Amino acid sequence: MTERLSRLAFERMPHRPPMLLLDSVLESDAAGVRVRARPHAAADYPLRVGGVLYPIALVEIGAQAAAAHASLTAVRQMHLGVIVGLTSVTVEPGPVPDVPLYASAWLDGETTGAARYRFAVTGFERQIVAGAALLMLGAAG
């Protein structure tokens, strides 16, 4: 089931490797999604700057988790989302350790053409970044 969910979500998302930062969808329901991120230890990982992965960059993983949920649930019958705003972002200081990363995103509200998601990215059972993202939604083309 995880492989089928992942394939369905990722096919509908606009991201492609190397910027598709998610590895698999672990759980999904109407309220939200939990995903595993791709390994990030390689020096050429797309979010690294000078070989360092800063925690603020993980907002992209949280946003991709939200996009995966929107893809799977077809919020407002739309499959594509573009980030148009971030709020309430909290970030742990220091570089991101070389541990597996997981993200959760929860649908927090929707209107015509937009959805608000809360997200959190964790590593080794520690929250690294969290916040809320506003997605402008569109039909898959």
Protein backbone atom coordinates (compact mmCIF):
# COMPACT_ATOMS: atom_id res chain seq x y z
CA MET A 1 0.00 0.00 0.00
CA THR A 2 2.84 2.41 0.84
CA GLU A 3 4.37 1.95 -2.61
CA ARG A 4 1.02 2.53 -4.35
CA LEU A 5 0.31 5.68 -2.30
CA SER A 6 3.80 7.01 -2.97
CA ARG A 7 3.57 6.42 -6.71
CA LEU A 8 0.12 8.08 -6.91
CA ALA A 9 1.19 11.13 -4.90
CA PHE A 10 4.54 11.61 -6.65
CA GLU A 11 3.11 11.23 -10.17
CA ARG A 12 0.76 14.14 -9.50
CA MET A 13 3.37 16.41 -7.92
CA PRO A 14 5.39 18.77 -10.12
CA HIS A 15 8.68 17.83 -8.42
CA ARG A 16 11.12 15.41 -10.06
CA PRO A 17 14.49 14.16 -8.81
CA PRO A 18 16.69 15.58 -7.54
CA MET A 19 14.15 18.10 -6.15
CA LEU A 20 11.59 15.43 -5.26
CA LEU A 21 12.79 15.15 -1.68
CA LEU A 22 10.31 12.53 -0.51
CA ASP A 23 11.05 8.82 -0.51
CA SER A 24 7.68 7.34 0.42
CA VAL A 25 4.24 8.02 1.82
CA LEU A 26 3.94 6.06 5.07
CA GLU A 27 0.37 6.99 6.05
CA SER A 28 -2.38 9.14 4.60
CA ASP A 29 -6.00 9.91 5.43
CA ALA A 30 -8.39 12.81 4.93
CA ALA A 31 -6.74 14.81 7.73
CA GLY A 32 -3.08 14.49 6.82
CA VAL A 33 -0.06 12.53 5.69
CA ARG A 34 3.22 11.15 7.07
CA VAL A 35 6.17 10.70 4.71
CA ARG A 36 9.80 9.63 4.80
CA ALA A 37 12.27 11.98 3.13
CA ARG A 38 15.02 10.82 0.79
CA PRO A 39 18.44 10.35 2.41
CA HIS A 40 20.27 13.66 2.69
CA ALA A 41 23.88 12.77 3.58
CA ALA A 42 25.36 13.16 0.09
CA ALA A 43 27.31 16.36 -0.54
CA ASP A 44 25.25 17.02 -3.68
CA TYR A 45 21.89 16.85 -1.87
CA PRO A 46 19.98 19.76 -3.47
CA LEU A 47 19.23 21.62 -0.20
CA ARG A 48 22.84 21.66 1.03
CA VAL A 49 24.77 24.92 0.94
CA GLY A 50 28.53 24.52 1.01
CA GLY A 51 28.02 20.92 2.13
CA VAL A 52 25.84 21.94 5.11
CA LEU A 53 22.13 21.20 5.43
CA TYR A 54 20.57 24.03 7.41
CA PRO A 55 17.28 23.32 9.22
CA ILE A 56 15.35 26.13 7.51
CA ALA A 57 15.80 24.29 4.20
CA LEU A 58 13.62 21.48 5.57
CA VAL A 59 10.58 23.72 5.10
CA GLU A 60 10.66 22.40 1.53
CA ILE A 61 10.23 18.82 2.81
CA GLY A 62 7.27 19.93 4.92
CA ALA A 63 5.75 21.70 1.93
CA GLN A 64 6.26 18.62 -0.26
CA ALA A 65 4.48 16.53 2.39
CA ALA A 66 1.54 18.96 2.14
CA ALA A 67 1.65 18.70 -1.66
CA ALA A 68 1.62 14.89 -1.41
CA HIS A 69 -1.50 15.06 0.75
CA ALA A 70 -3.20 17.49 -1.62
CA SER A 71 -2.33 15.13 -4.50
CA LEU A 72 -3.71 12.07 -2.74
CA THR A 73 -6.92 13.67 -1.50
CA ALA A 74 -7.53 16.03 -4.43
CA VAL A 75 -8.35 18.93 -2.12
CA ARG A 76 -10.95 21.02 -3.97
CA GLN A 77 -10.50 18.60 -6.90
CA MET A 78 -7.01 20.02 -7.49
CA HIS A 79 -3.75 18.10 -7.61
CA LEU A 80 -1.01 20.74 -7.83
CA GLY A 81 -0.03 23.25 -5.17
CA VAL A 82 2.38 26.17 -5.09
CA ILE A 83 3.53 27.69 -1.80
CA VAL A 84 2.33 31.27 -1.54
CA GLY A 85 2.96 31.84 2.16
CA LEU A 86 4.58 30.49 5.32
CA THR A 87 3.65 31.33 8.90
CA SER A 88 4.57 30.29 12.43
CA VAL A 89 7.82 28.65 11.31
CA THR A 90 10.01 27.36 14.15
CA VAL A 91 13.52 26.04 13.53
CA GLU A 92 15.98 24.14 15.71
CA PRO A 93 19.46 25.72 15.61
CA GLY A 94 22.51 24.07 14.06
CA PRO A 95 23.09 21.85 11.04
CA VAL A 96 20.75 18.93 10.41
CA PRO A 97 22.29 15.68 11.67
CA ASP A 98 22.70 12.73 9.30
CA VAL A 99 19.59 10.89 10.50
CA PRO A 100 16.48 9.74 8.63
CA LEU A 101 13.97 12.56 8.23
CA TYR A 102 10.19 12.28 8.41
CA ALA A 103 7.51 14.86 7.74
CA SER A 104 3.87 15.16 8.63
CA ALA A 105 1.38 17.59 7.14
CA TRP A 106 -2.17 18.22 8.31
CA LEU A 107 -4.88 20.01 6.37
CA ASP A 108 -5.79 23.04 8.49
CA GLY A 109 -8.35 24.71 6.24
CA GLU A 110 -9.33 25.22 2.64
CA THR A 111 -11.08 27.70 0.41
CA THR A 112 -11.65 27.88 -3.32
CA GLY A 113 -8.22 27.54 -4.91
CA ALA A 114 -6.19 27.38 -1.68
CA ALA A 115 -5.40 25.14 1.28
CA ARG A 116 -3.57 25.79 4.55
CA TYR A 117 -1.42 23.02 5.99
CA ARG A 118 0.48 22.68 9.25
CA PHE A 119 3.69 20.66 8.92
CA ALA A 120 6.55 19.27 11.00
CA VAL A 121 9.83 17.68 9.98
CA THR A 122 11.50 15.39 12.48
CA GLY A 123 14.75 13.47 12.72
CA PHE A 124 15.60 10.91 15.38
CA GLU A 125 12.31 11.70 17.15
CA ARG A 126 13.22 15.39 17.43
CA GLN A 127 11.30 18.18 15.71
CA ILE A 128 13.66 20.16 13.49
CA VAL A 129 11.29 22.54 11.71
CA ALA A 130 7.55 23.18 11.89
CA GLY A 131 5.10 25.74 10.63
CA ALA A 132 2.18 26.37 8.33
CA ALA A 133 2.10 26.71 4.56
CA LEU A 134 -0.55 28.24 2.34
CA LEU A 135 -0.83 26.44 -0.99
CA MET A 136 -2.44 27.90 -4.07
CA LEU A 137 -4.09 24.91 -5.76
CA GLY A 138 -4.46 24.16 -9.44
CA ALA A 139 -5.57 21.33 -11.69
CA ALA A 140 -3.01 18.84 -12.91
CA GLY A 141 -2.21 19.64 -16.48
